[in-house]
């Protein structure tokens, strides 16, 4: 298990899917809490923050609002970048958002997307020839818009090392637990899933 605190940055934008953002947030913050129960004197395992274009409230797809912890201009480098999905049309047209994703991804050990967040990774140039996935309903559209991508279907998540993508909504929780196992250990991921009362779906 790592002895240093890892920064997890989760992108927030208007019309983000609430659980795409909140699911990974809950996984990483719960994992950090479970790790500190086991080793109270150790530094926090994860430091998790939402990052947006500004510090103004972000309106999620269903109307819930979230206050970002950092703006693009002052966000510290992240070890893990999570790009959630939702209605991404406006975000895909936002130069500042795409530039920040590209820059943050270059600094990160792992860049991950949930659901239609894969469209933002593609539009920002982060995705190239990795095997990737997205929500089942958006597979055809992703292939049409970005024909050079190797888009797979029927998988909860795909881990390509520095790039990890997941299918829709709750698949982001499965993927985030997988990342906890990668960055810490599987035992912590299992404790985290149990604490969340979540049935972690893993590949056979």
N, C-alpha and C. Protein backbone atom coordinates (compact mmCIF):
# COMPACT_ATOMS: atom_id res chain seq x y z
N UNK A 1 0.85 -1.19 0.00
CA UNK A 1 0.00 0.00 0.00
C UNK A 1 0.89 1.24 0.00
N UNK A 2 0.48 2.26 -0.76
CA UNK A 2 1.28 3.48 -0.86
C UNK A 2 1.40 4.18 0.49
N UNK A 3 2.55 4.81 0.71
CA UNK A 3 2.78 5.52 1.97
C UNK A 3 2.58 7.02 1.81
N UNK A 4 2.19 7.45 0.63
CA UNK A 4 1.97 8.87 0.37
C UNK A 4 0.53 9.09 -0.05
N UNK A 5 0.08 10.33 0.11
CA UNK A 5 -1.29 10.67 -0.27
C UNK A 5 -1.37 10.88 -1.78
N UNK A 6 -2.34 10.24 -2.40
CA UNK A 6 -2.57 10.37 -3.84
C UNK A 6 -3.72 11.34 -4.08
N UNK A 7 -3.51 12.29 -4.98
CA UNK A 7 -4.55 13.25 -5.31
C UNK A 7 -5.46 12.69 -6.39
N UNK A 8 -6.75 12.72 -6.14
CA UNK A 8 -7.76 12.30 -7.11
C UNK A 8 -8.57 13.54 -7.49
N UNK A 9 -8.53 13.90 -8.78
CA UNK A 9 -9.31 15.04 -9.28
C UNK A 9 -10.47 14.51 -10.10
N UNK A 10 -11.68 14.96 -9.78
CA UNK A 10 -12.87 14.56 -10.53
C UNK A 10 -13.43 15.79 -11.22
N UNK A 11 -13.50 15.74 -12.54
CA UNK A 11 -14.01 16.88 -13.31
C UNK A 11 -15.49 17.08 -13.02
N UNK A 12 -15.88 18.35 -12.84
CA UNK A 12 -17.28 18.71 -12.67
C UNK A 12 -17.66 19.71 -13.76
N UNK A 13 -18.80 19.51 -14.38
CA UNK A 13 -19.28 20.41 -15.43
C UNK A 13 -20.80 20.38 -15.43
N UNK A 14 -21.42 21.43 -15.93
CA UNK A 14 -22.87 21.46 -15.98
C UNK A 14 -23.41 20.29 -16.78
N UNK A 15 -24.45 19.66 -16.26
CA UNK A 15 -25.11 18.49 -16.86
C UNK A 15 -24.32 17.21 -16.69
N UNK A 16 -23.35 17.19 -15.77
CA UNK A 16 -22.69 15.94 -15.42
C UNK A 16 -23.71 15.00 -14.76
N UNK A 17 -23.59 13.72 -15.03
CA UNK A 17 -24.44 12.72 -14.38
C UNK A 17 -24.02 12.62 -12.91
N UNK A 18 -24.99 12.77 -12.01
CA UNK A 18 -24.67 12.87 -10.58
C UNK A 18 -23.87 11.66 -10.09
N UNK A 19 -24.29 10.46 -10.41
CA UNK A 19 -23.62 9.27 -9.88
C UNK A 19 -22.30 9.01 -10.59
N UNK A 20 -22.14 9.49 -11.82
CA UNK A 20 -20.84 9.39 -12.48
C UNK A 20 -19.77 10.11 -11.66
N UNK A 21 -20.15 11.24 -11.06
CA UNK A 21 -19.23 12.01 -10.23
C UNK A 21 -19.21 11.50 -8.79
N UNK A 22 -20.40 11.32 -8.21
CA UNK A 22 -20.49 10.98 -6.79
C UNK A 22 -20.04 9.56 -6.50
N UNK A 23 -20.24 8.63 -7.46
CA UNK A 23 -19.83 7.24 -7.23
C UNK A 23 -18.33 7.12 -6.99
N UNK A 24 -17.49 7.59 -7.93
CA UNK A 24 -16.04 7.57 -7.67
C UNK A 24 -15.64 8.38 -6.44
N UNK A 25 -16.29 9.52 -6.23
CA UNK A 25 -15.98 10.33 -5.04
C UNK A 25 -16.18 9.51 -3.77
N UNK A 26 -17.30 8.80 -3.71
CA UNK A 26 -17.59 7.99 -2.53
C UNK A 26 -16.60 6.84 -2.38
N UNK A 27 -16.22 6.21 -3.48
CA UNK A 27 -15.27 5.09 -3.41
C UNK A 27 -13.93 5.56 -2.85
N UNK A 28 -13.37 6.62 -3.41
CA UNK A 28 -12.03 7.03 -2.99
C UNK A 28 -12.02 7.62 -1.58
N UNK A 29 -13.06 8.36 -1.22
CA UNK A 29 -13.09 8.90 0.14
C UNK A 29 -13.35 7.80 1.17
N UNK A 30 -14.19 6.83 0.82
CA UNK A 30 -14.44 5.71 1.73
C UNK A 30 -13.19 4.85 1.87
N UNK A 31 -12.50 4.61 0.76
CA UNK A 31 -11.25 3.82 0.82
C UNK A 31 -10.23 4.51 1.71
N UNK A 32 -10.13 5.82 1.62
CA UNK A 32 -9.18 6.55 2.46
C UNK A 32 -9.56 6.41 3.93
N UNK A 33 -10.87 6.47 4.21
CA UNK A 33 -11.34 6.31 5.60
C UNK A 33 -11.05 4.91 6.12
N UNK A 34 -11.28 3.88 5.28
CA UNK A 34 -11.01 2.51 5.70
C UNK A 34 -9.51 2.29 5.93
N UNK A 35 -8.69 2.89 5.09
CA UNK A 35 -7.24 2.75 5.26
C UNK A 35 -6.78 3.40 6.56
N UNK A 36 -7.37 4.55 6.91
CA UNK A 36 -6.97 5.21 8.15
C UNK A 36 -7.46 4.47 9.39
N UNK A 37 -8.56 3.75 9.27
CA UNK A 37 -8.98 2.90 10.40
C UNK A 37 -7.92 1.84 10.69
N UNK A 38 -7.35 1.29 9.62
CA UNK A 38 -6.35 0.24 9.78
C UNK A 38 -4.99 0.79 10.20
N UNK A 39 -4.69 2.02 9.78
CA UNK A 39 -3.39 2.63 10.10
C UNK A 39 -3.61 4.09 10.45
N UNK A 40 -4.05 4.37 11.69
CA UNK A 40 -4.44 5.73 12.06
C UNK A 40 -3.33 6.77 11.93
N UNK A 41 -2.08 6.35 12.05
CA UNK A 41 -0.98 7.30 12.00
C UNK A 41 -0.45 7.54 10.59
N UNK A 42 -0.94 6.79 9.63
CA UNK A 42 -0.48 6.95 8.26
C UNK A 42 -1.14 8.17 7.61
N UNK A 43 -0.51 8.77 6.62
CA UNK A 43 -1.15 9.89 5.92
C UNK A 43 -2.38 9.40 5.17
N UNK A 44 -3.34 10.28 4.91
CA UNK A 44 -4.52 9.85 4.14
C UNK A 44 -4.10 9.22 2.81
N UNK A 45 -4.78 8.16 2.44
CA UNK A 45 -4.42 7.46 1.21
C UNK A 45 -4.78 8.30 -0.02
N UNK A 46 -5.98 8.88 0.00
CA UNK A 46 -6.44 9.68 -1.13
C UNK A 46 -6.91 11.05 -0.65
N UNK A 47 -6.61 12.06 -1.45
CA UNK A 47 -7.18 13.40 -1.27
C UNK A 47 -8.03 13.65 -2.51
N UNK A 48 -9.34 13.80 -2.32
CA UNK A 48 -10.28 13.82 -3.44
C UNK A 48 -10.92 15.20 -3.55
N UNK A 49 -10.96 15.73 -4.76
CA UNK A 49 -11.57 17.05 -4.97
C UNK A 49 -12.22 17.11 -6.34
N UNK A 50 -13.31 17.85 -6.41
CA UNK A 50 -13.94 18.16 -7.69
C UNK A 50 -13.28 19.40 -8.27
N UNK A 51 -13.04 19.38 -9.57
CA UNK A 51 -12.39 20.49 -10.26
C UNK A 51 -13.30 20.94 -11.39
N UNK A 52 -13.51 22.25 -11.51
CA UNK A 52 -14.37 22.81 -12.55
C UNK A 52 -13.73 24.06 -13.14
N UNK A 53 -14.36 24.57 -14.16
CA UNK A 53 -13.82 25.76 -14.84
C UNK A 53 -13.69 26.93 -13.88
N UNK A 54 -14.63 27.07 -12.97
CA UNK A 54 -14.57 28.11 -11.94
C UNK A 54 -15.08 27.52 -10.63
N UNK A 55 -15.11 28.32 -9.58
CA UNK A 55 -15.60 27.84 -8.29
C UNK A 55 -17.10 28.05 -8.13
N UNK A 56 -17.77 28.47 -9.18
CA UNK A 56 -19.23 28.63 -9.14
C UNK A 56 -19.89 27.26 -9.03
N UNK A 57 -21.09 27.20 -8.43
CA UNK A 57 -21.78 25.91 -8.34
C UNK A 57 -21.98 25.27 -9.72
N UNK A 58 -21.82 23.96 -9.76
CA UNK A 58 -22.03 23.19 -10.98
C UNK A 58 -23.38 22.49 -10.87
N UNK A 59 -24.22 22.66 -11.88
CA UNK A 59 -25.54 22.05 -11.88
C UNK A 59 -25.47 20.69 -12.57
N UNK A 60 -25.78 19.64 -11.83
CA UNK A 60 -25.76 18.31 -12.41
C UNK A 60 -26.99 18.08 -13.28
N UNK A 61 -26.97 16.97 -13.99
CA UNK A 61 -28.02 16.68 -14.97
C UNK A 61 -29.42 16.68 -14.36
N UNK A 62 -29.57 16.17 -13.18
CA UNK A 62 -30.89 16.06 -12.55
C UNK A 62 -31.22 17.28 -11.69
N UNK A 63 -30.37 18.31 -11.71
CA UNK A 63 -30.66 19.53 -10.99
C UNK A 63 -29.89 19.72 -9.69
N UNK A 64 -29.26 18.67 -9.19
CA UNK A 64 -28.44 18.79 -7.98
C UNK A 64 -27.22 19.64 -8.28
N UNK A 65 -26.79 20.45 -7.32
CA UNK A 65 -25.61 21.30 -7.50
C UNK A 65 -24.47 20.83 -6.61
N UNK A 66 -23.26 21.06 -7.07
CA UNK A 66 -22.07 20.72 -6.30
C UNK A 66 -21.13 21.92 -6.35
N UNK A 67 -20.41 22.16 -5.25
CA UNK A 67 -19.42 23.22 -5.20
C UNK A 67 -18.04 22.64 -5.47
N UNK A 68 -17.37 23.05 -6.54
CA UNK A 68 -16.04 22.52 -6.83
C UNK A 68 -15.04 22.90 -5.73
N UNK A 69 -14.07 22.04 -5.54
CA UNK A 69 -13.01 22.34 -4.59
C UNK A 69 -11.90 23.17 -5.19
N UNK A 70 -11.73 23.08 -6.52
CA UNK A 70 -10.67 23.81 -7.22
C UNK A 70 -11.20 24.27 -8.57
N UNK A 71 -10.67 25.38 -9.05
CA UNK A 71 -10.90 25.79 -10.43
C UNK A 71 -9.76 25.23 -11.28
N UNK A 72 -9.95 25.25 -12.60
CA UNK A 72 -8.88 24.80 -13.50
C UNK A 72 -7.59 25.57 -13.23
N UNK A 73 -7.72 26.86 -12.97
CA UNK A 73 -6.54 27.72 -12.86
C UNK A 73 -5.67 27.38 -11.67
N UNK A 74 -6.28 26.89 -10.58
CA UNK A 74 -5.48 26.68 -9.37
C UNK A 74 -5.47 25.24 -8.87
N UNK A 75 -5.99 24.32 -9.65
CA UNK A 75 -6.01 22.91 -9.22
C UNK A 75 -4.60 22.34 -9.19
N UNK A 76 -4.24 21.64 -8.12
CA UNK A 76 -2.91 21.01 -8.07
C UNK A 76 -2.86 19.81 -9.01
N UNK A 77 -1.67 19.38 -9.41
CA UNK A 77 -1.57 18.18 -10.26
C UNK A 77 -2.21 16.98 -9.57
N UNK A 78 -2.86 16.15 -10.37
CA UNK A 78 -3.56 14.97 -9.83
C UNK A 78 -2.81 13.70 -10.20
N UNK A 79 -2.80 12.76 -9.28
CA UNK A 79 -2.28 11.43 -9.59
C UNK A 79 -3.30 10.62 -10.37
N UNK A 80 -4.57 10.84 -10.06
CA UNK A 80 -5.67 10.15 -10.74
C UNK A 80 -6.66 11.21 -11.21
N UNK A 81 -6.97 11.18 -12.50
CA UNK A 81 -7.96 12.08 -13.08
C UNK A 81 -9.19 11.27 -13.46
N UNK A 82 -10.35 11.66 -12.94
CA UNK A 82 -11.60 11.00 -13.27
C UNK A 82 -12.46 11.97 -14.08
N UNK A 83 -12.87 11.54 -15.27
CA UNK A 83 -13.72 12.36 -16.13
C UNK A 83 -15.08 11.68 -16.23
N UNK A 84 -16.08 12.18 -15.53
CA UNK A 84 -17.41 11.58 -15.57
C UNK A 84 -18.15 11.96 -16.84
N UNK A 85 -19.30 11.33 -17.04
CA UNK A 85 -20.11 11.63 -18.20
C UNK A 85 -21.38 12.37 -17.83
N UNK A 86 -22.36 12.21 -18.66
CA UNK A 86 -23.61 12.93 -18.54
C UNK A 86 -23.97 13.48 -19.90
N UNK A 87 -24.55 14.67 -19.94
CA UNK A 87 -24.77 15.36 -21.22
C UNK A 87 -23.51 16.18 -21.48
N UNK A 88 -22.69 15.72 -22.40
CA UNK A 88 -21.34 16.29 -22.55
C UNK A 88 -21.22 17.24 -23.74
N UNK A 89 -22.32 17.54 -24.43
CA UNK A 89 -22.23 18.36 -25.64
C UNK A 89 -21.58 19.71 -25.38
N UNK A 90 -22.04 20.43 -24.35
CA UNK A 90 -21.47 21.75 -24.07
C UNK A 90 -20.02 21.63 -23.61
N UNK A 91 -19.74 20.64 -22.77
CA UNK A 91 -18.36 20.46 -22.29
C UNK A 91 -17.42 20.15 -23.45
N UNK A 92 -17.90 19.41 -24.46
CA UNK A 92 -17.06 19.09 -25.61
C UNK A 92 -16.77 20.31 -26.46
N UNK A 93 -17.59 21.35 -26.34
CA UNK A 93 -17.37 22.59 -27.09
C UNK A 93 -16.59 23.62 -26.30
N UNK A 94 -16.26 23.28 -25.06
CA UNK A 94 -15.57 24.23 -24.17
C UNK A 94 -14.06 24.03 -24.27
N UNK A 95 -13.38 24.98 -24.90
CA UNK A 95 -11.94 24.85 -25.10
C UNK A 95 -11.20 24.74 -23.78
N UNK A 96 -11.61 25.53 -22.79
CA UNK A 96 -10.93 25.50 -21.49
C UNK A 96 -11.04 24.13 -20.84
N UNK A 97 -12.21 23.50 -20.95
CA UNK A 97 -12.41 22.17 -20.36
C UNK A 97 -11.53 21.14 -21.05
N UNK A 98 -11.52 21.14 -22.38
CA UNK A 98 -10.71 20.16 -23.11
C UNK A 98 -9.22 20.38 -22.87
N UNK A 99 -8.81 21.63 -22.81
CA UNK A 99 -7.39 21.90 -22.55
C UNK A 99 -6.99 21.45 -21.16
N UNK A 100 -7.87 21.66 -20.16
CA UNK A 100 -7.53 21.24 -18.81
C UNK A 100 -7.46 19.71 -18.73
N UNK A 101 -8.40 19.01 -19.36
CA UNK A 101 -8.36 17.55 -19.36
C UNK A 101 -7.03 17.06 -19.95
N UNK A 102 -6.64 17.61 -21.08
CA UNK A 102 -5.39 17.19 -21.73
C UNK A 102 -4.19 17.46 -20.83
N UNK A 103 -4.16 18.64 -20.21
CA UNK A 103 -3.03 18.99 -19.34
C UNK A 103 -3.00 18.14 -18.09
N UNK A 104 -4.16 17.97 -17.43
CA UNK A 104 -4.22 17.17 -16.21
C UNK A 104 -3.87 15.72 -16.48
N UNK A 105 -4.27 15.22 -17.64
CA UNK A 105 -3.98 13.83 -17.99
C UNK A 105 -2.48 13.60 -18.16
N UNK A 106 -1.79 14.60 -18.72
CA UNK A 106 -0.34 14.45 -18.90
C UNK A 106 0.38 14.31 -17.56
N UNK A 107 -0.14 14.94 -16.52
CA UNK A 107 0.48 14.88 -15.19
C UNK A 107 0.07 13.64 -14.40
N UNK A 108 -1.07 13.04 -14.75
CA UNK A 108 -1.66 11.97 -13.95
C UNK A 108 -1.03 10.61 -14.23
N UNK A 109 -0.99 9.79 -13.20
CA UNK A 109 -0.59 8.39 -13.40
C UNK A 109 -1.68 7.63 -14.13
N UNK A 110 -2.92 7.93 -13.78
CA UNK A 110 -4.08 7.24 -14.37
C UNK A 110 -5.12 8.28 -14.74
N UNK A 111 -5.63 8.18 -15.95
CA UNK A 111 -6.77 8.98 -16.40
C UNK A 111 -7.91 8.01 -16.67
N UNK A 112 -9.07 8.27 -16.06
CA UNK A 112 -10.19 7.35 -16.17
C UNK A 112 -11.46 8.11 -16.54
N UNK A 113 -12.33 7.45 -17.29
CA UNK A 113 -13.61 8.06 -17.62
C UNK A 113 -14.74 7.15 -17.16
N UNK A 114 -15.86 7.77 -16.88
CA UNK A 114 -17.09 7.06 -16.56
C UNK A 114 -18.10 7.40 -17.65
N UNK A 115 -18.73 6.38 -18.23
CA UNK A 115 -19.84 6.60 -19.14
C UNK A 115 -19.40 7.48 -20.32
N UNK A 116 -20.15 8.54 -20.63
CA UNK A 116 -19.83 9.40 -21.77
C UNK A 116 -18.65 10.33 -21.51
N UNK A 117 -18.02 10.22 -20.36
CA UNK A 117 -16.76 10.91 -20.16
C UNK A 117 -15.73 10.51 -21.19
N UNK A 118 -15.91 9.32 -21.80
CA UNK A 118 -14.99 8.89 -22.86
C UNK A 118 -15.01 9.85 -24.04
N UNK A 119 -16.17 10.47 -24.31
CA UNK A 119 -16.24 11.46 -25.39
C UNK A 119 -15.33 12.65 -25.09
N UNK A 120 -15.29 13.07 -23.83
CA UNK A 120 -14.43 14.19 -23.45
C UNK A 120 -12.95 13.82 -23.56
N UNK A 121 -12.61 12.59 -23.18
CA UNK A 121 -11.22 12.16 -23.33
C UNK A 121 -10.84 12.10 -24.80
N UNK A 122 -11.77 11.65 -25.63
CA UNK A 122 -11.49 11.60 -27.07
C UNK A 122 -11.35 13.00 -27.66
N UNK A 123 -12.27 13.89 -27.31
CA UNK A 123 -12.26 15.24 -27.86
C UNK A 123 -11.03 16.03 -27.42
N UNK A 124 -10.50 15.69 -26.25
CA UNK A 124 -9.32 16.39 -25.74
C UNK A 124 -8.01 15.78 -26.25
N UNK A 125 -8.12 14.70 -27.02
CA UNK A 125 -6.93 14.07 -27.58
C UNK A 125 -6.24 13.09 -26.66
N UNK A 126 -6.85 12.78 -25.52
CA UNK A 126 -6.23 11.85 -24.56
C UNK A 126 -6.29 10.42 -25.08
N UNK A 127 -7.42 10.07 -25.70
CA UNK A 127 -7.57 8.71 -26.24
C UNK A 127 -7.00 8.65 -27.64
N UNK A 128 -6.28 7.55 -27.89
CA UNK A 128 -5.70 7.37 -29.22
C UNK A 128 -6.06 6.00 -29.77
N UNK A 129 -5.33 4.96 -29.39
CA UNK A 129 -5.62 3.63 -29.94
C UNK A 129 -5.86 2.59 -28.84
N UNK A 130 -6.16 3.06 -27.61
CA UNK A 130 -6.44 2.12 -26.52
C UNK A 130 -7.82 1.47 -26.74
N UNK A 131 -7.97 0.28 -26.16
CA UNK A 131 -9.29 -0.33 -26.07
C UNK A 131 -10.08 0.45 -25.02
N UNK A 132 -11.27 0.91 -25.37
CA UNK A 132 -12.05 1.73 -24.45
C UNK A 132 -13.51 1.30 -24.49
N UNK A 133 -14.30 1.83 -23.54
CA UNK A 133 -15.72 1.56 -23.54
C UNK A 133 -16.47 2.78 -23.01
N UNK A 134 -17.80 2.70 -23.11
CA UNK A 134 -18.68 3.76 -22.61
C UNK A 134 -20.04 3.13 -22.32
N UNK A 135 -21.02 3.95 -21.99
CA UNK A 135 -22.38 3.47 -21.76
C UNK A 135 -22.89 2.73 -23.00
N UNK A 136 -23.60 1.63 -22.80
CA UNK A 136 -24.06 0.81 -23.93
C UNK A 136 -24.86 1.63 -24.94
N UNK A 137 -25.60 2.63 -24.46
CA UNK A 137 -26.45 3.42 -25.35
C UNK A 137 -25.65 4.35 -26.25
N UNK A 138 -24.39 4.58 -25.88
CA UNK A 138 -23.57 5.57 -26.60
C UNK A 138 -22.43 4.94 -27.39
N UNK A 139 -22.37 3.61 -27.43
CA UNK A 139 -21.30 2.92 -28.15
C UNK A 139 -21.28 3.33 -29.62
N UNK A 140 -22.42 3.26 -30.28
CA UNK A 140 -22.47 3.55 -31.72
C UNK A 140 -22.08 5.00 -31.99
N UNK A 141 -22.56 5.92 -31.16
CA UNK A 141 -22.24 7.34 -31.36
C UNK A 141 -20.75 7.60 -31.17
N UNK A 142 -20.14 6.96 -30.17
CA UNK A 142 -18.70 7.14 -29.95
C UNK A 142 -17.92 6.62 -31.15
N UNK A 143 -18.32 5.48 -31.69
CA UNK A 143 -17.64 4.94 -32.87
C UNK A 143 -17.80 5.86 -34.08
N UNK A 144 -18.98 6.44 -34.23
CA UNK A 144 -19.23 7.33 -35.36
C UNK A 144 -18.44 8.61 -35.26
N UNK A 145 -18.43 9.22 -34.08
CA UNK A 145 -17.74 10.51 -33.91
C UNK A 145 -16.23 10.36 -33.92
N UNK A 146 -15.75 9.23 -33.41
CA UNK A 146 -14.30 9.02 -33.31
C UNK A 146 -13.96 7.65 -33.89
N UNK A 147 -14.01 7.54 -35.22
CA UNK A 147 -13.88 6.22 -35.86
C UNK A 147 -12.52 5.54 -35.65
N UNK A 148 -11.51 6.30 -35.26
CA UNK A 148 -10.20 5.68 -35.05
C UNK A 148 -10.09 4.96 -33.72
N UNK A 149 -11.05 5.17 -32.82
CA UNK A 149 -10.98 4.55 -31.49
C UNK A 149 -11.38 3.08 -31.54
N UNK A 150 -10.79 2.30 -30.65
CA UNK A 150 -11.09 0.87 -30.53
C UNK A 150 -12.13 0.69 -29.43
N UNK A 151 -13.40 0.90 -29.77
CA UNK A 151 -14.49 0.92 -28.80
C UNK A 151 -15.05 -0.49 -28.62
N UNK A 152 -15.07 -0.95 -27.37
CA UNK A 152 -15.55 -2.28 -27.02
C UNK A 152 -16.90 -2.17 -26.31
N UNK A 153 -17.71 -3.20 -26.42
CA UNK A 153 -18.99 -3.21 -25.71
C UNK A 153 -19.12 -4.46 -24.87
N UNK A 154 -20.03 -4.39 -23.90
CA UNK A 154 -20.29 -5.54 -23.04
C UNK A 154 -19.33 -5.69 -21.88
N UNK A 155 -18.51 -4.67 -21.60
CA UNK A 155 -17.54 -4.74 -20.52
C UNK A 155 -17.83 -3.64 -19.51
N UNK A 156 -17.66 -3.95 -18.22
CA UNK A 156 -17.91 -2.94 -17.18
C UNK A 156 -16.83 -1.87 -17.18
N UNK A 157 -15.59 -2.27 -17.35
CA UNK A 157 -14.50 -1.32 -17.51
C UNK A 157 -13.36 -1.99 -18.26
N UNK A 158 -12.50 -1.16 -18.80
CA UNK A 158 -11.31 -1.65 -19.52
C UNK A 158 -10.10 -0.90 -18.98
N UNK A 159 -9.12 -1.63 -18.49
CA UNK A 159 -7.90 -1.07 -17.93
C UNK A 159 -6.78 -1.22 -18.96
N UNK A 160 -6.28 -0.09 -19.44
CA UNK A 160 -5.18 -0.09 -20.41
C UNK A 160 -3.93 0.58 -19.81
N UNK A 161 -3.80 0.43 -18.51
CA UNK A 161 -2.63 0.99 -17.83
C UNK A 161 -2.88 2.42 -17.40
N UNK A 162 -2.39 3.38 -18.16
CA UNK A 162 -2.59 4.78 -17.79
C UNK A 162 -3.97 5.29 -18.18
N UNK A 163 -4.69 4.56 -19.01
CA UNK A 163 -6.05 4.92 -19.43
C UNK A 163 -7.01 3.82 -18.99
N UNK A 164 -8.05 4.21 -18.26
CA UNK A 164 -9.08 3.25 -17.81
C UNK A 164 -10.43 3.88 -18.13
N UNK A 165 -11.30 3.12 -18.78
CA UNK A 165 -12.63 3.63 -19.12
C UNK A 165 -13.68 2.66 -18.61
N UNK A 166 -14.86 3.21 -18.30
CA UNK A 166 -15.93 2.33 -17.80
C UNK A 166 -17.20 2.56 -18.58
N UNK A 167 -18.10 1.61 -18.45
CA UNK A 167 -19.43 1.72 -19.04
C UNK A 167 -20.25 2.70 -18.20
N UNK A 168 -21.56 2.59 -18.21
CA UNK A 168 -22.39 3.64 -17.67
C UNK A 168 -22.58 3.64 -16.16
N UNK A 169 -22.57 4.80 -15.61
CA UNK A 169 -23.04 5.19 -14.29
C UNK A 169 -22.48 4.29 -13.19
N UNK A 170 -23.19 3.22 -12.78
CA UNK A 170 -22.69 2.40 -11.67
C UNK A 170 -21.42 1.65 -12.03
N UNK A 171 -21.15 1.47 -13.32
CA UNK A 171 -19.88 0.85 -13.72
C UNK A 171 -18.71 1.69 -13.25
N UNK A 172 -18.93 3.00 -13.08
CA UNK A 172 -17.86 3.85 -12.57
C UNK A 172 -17.48 3.51 -11.14
N UNK A 173 -18.42 2.99 -10.37
CA UNK A 173 -18.11 2.55 -9.01
C UNK A 173 -17.26 1.28 -9.07
N UNK A 174 -17.65 0.34 -9.92
CA UNK A 174 -16.84 -0.88 -10.11
C UNK A 174 -15.42 -0.51 -10.53
N UNK A 175 -15.30 0.41 -11.50
CA UNK A 175 -13.99 0.82 -11.99
C UNK A 175 -13.17 1.47 -10.88
N UNK A 176 -13.82 2.33 -10.09
CA UNK A 176 -13.10 3.02 -9.03
C UNK A 176 -12.60 2.05 -7.97
N UNK A 177 -13.39 1.05 -7.63
CA UNK A 177 -12.92 0.01 -6.72
C UNK A 177 -11.73 -0.74 -7.31
N UNK A 178 -11.77 -0.99 -8.60
CA UNK A 178 -10.63 -1.61 -9.28
C UNK A 178 -9.39 -0.73 -9.15
N UNK A 179 -9.56 0.59 -9.28
CA UNK A 179 -8.42 1.49 -9.15
C UNK A 179 -7.88 1.51 -7.72
N UNK A 180 -8.76 1.42 -6.74
CA UNK A 180 -8.30 1.30 -5.35
C UNK A 180 -7.44 0.05 -5.20
N UNK A 181 -7.90 -1.06 -5.78
CA UNK A 181 -7.12 -2.30 -5.71
C UNK A 181 -5.76 -2.12 -6.39
N UNK A 182 -5.73 -1.43 -7.50
CA UNK A 182 -4.47 -1.19 -8.21
C UNK A 182 -3.52 -0.30 -7.43
N UNK A 183 -4.06 0.76 -6.87
CA UNK A 183 -3.22 1.77 -6.23
C UNK A 183 -2.87 1.43 -4.78
N UNK A 184 -3.69 0.61 -4.15
CA UNK A 184 -3.44 0.20 -2.77
C UNK A 184 -3.35 -1.32 -2.73
N UNK A 185 -4.48 -2.00 -2.50
CA UNK A 185 -4.52 -3.45 -2.58
C UNK A 185 -5.97 -3.90 -2.65
N UNK A 186 -6.15 -5.16 -3.03
CA UNK A 186 -7.50 -5.69 -3.22
C UNK A 186 -8.27 -5.77 -1.91
N UNK A 187 -7.56 -6.04 -0.82
CA UNK A 187 -8.23 -6.14 0.48
C UNK A 187 -8.91 -4.82 0.83
N UNK A 188 -8.23 -3.71 0.56
CA UNK A 188 -8.84 -2.41 0.85
C UNK A 188 -10.04 -2.17 -0.06
N UNK A 189 -9.93 -2.55 -1.33
CA UNK A 189 -11.06 -2.39 -2.24
C UNK A 189 -12.26 -3.19 -1.75
N UNK A 190 -12.02 -4.40 -1.28
CA UNK A 190 -13.12 -5.23 -0.76
C UNK A 190 -13.72 -4.63 0.50
N UNK A 191 -12.89 -4.10 1.40
CA UNK A 191 -13.40 -3.45 2.60
C UNK A 191 -14.23 -2.22 2.24
N UNK A 192 -13.78 -1.50 1.23
CA UNK A 192 -14.50 -0.31 0.78
C UNK A 192 -15.86 -0.69 0.22
N UNK A 193 -15.90 -1.71 -0.63
CA UNK A 193 -17.18 -2.15 -1.19
C UNK A 193 -18.12 -2.62 -0.10
N UNK A 194 -17.59 -3.33 0.89
CA UNK A 194 -18.43 -3.79 1.99
C UNK A 194 -18.97 -2.61 2.80
N UNK A 195 -18.11 -1.64 3.07
CA UNK A 195 -18.54 -0.46 3.82
C UNK A 195 -19.66 0.28 3.08
N UNK A 196 -19.57 0.29 1.76
CA UNK A 196 -20.58 0.95 0.94
C UNK A 196 -21.81 0.08 0.69
N UNK A 197 -21.80 -1.18 1.20
CA UNK A 197 -22.88 -2.13 0.89
C UNK A 197 -23.08 -2.24 -0.61
N UNK A 198 -21.97 -2.37 -1.33
CA UNK A 198 -22.00 -2.41 -2.79
C UNK A 198 -21.46 -3.74 -3.27
N UNK A 199 -22.18 -4.38 -4.18
CA UNK A 199 -21.76 -5.66 -4.75
C UNK A 199 -20.79 -5.34 -5.90
N UNK A 200 -19.50 -5.42 -5.62
CA UNK A 200 -18.47 -5.07 -6.60
C UNK A 200 -18.45 -6.11 -7.70
N UNK A 201 -18.71 -5.69 -8.92
CA UNK A 201 -18.69 -6.58 -10.09
C UNK A 201 -17.32 -6.53 -10.69
N UNK A 202 -16.68 -7.71 -10.75
CA UNK A 202 -15.34 -7.82 -11.33
C UNK A 202 -15.36 -8.81 -12.48
N UNK A 203 -14.39 -8.69 -13.41
CA UNK A 203 -14.32 -9.68 -14.50
C UNK A 203 -14.09 -11.08 -13.95
N UNK A 204 -14.58 -12.09 -14.65
CA UNK A 204 -14.36 -13.47 -14.24
C UNK A 204 -12.89 -13.84 -14.39
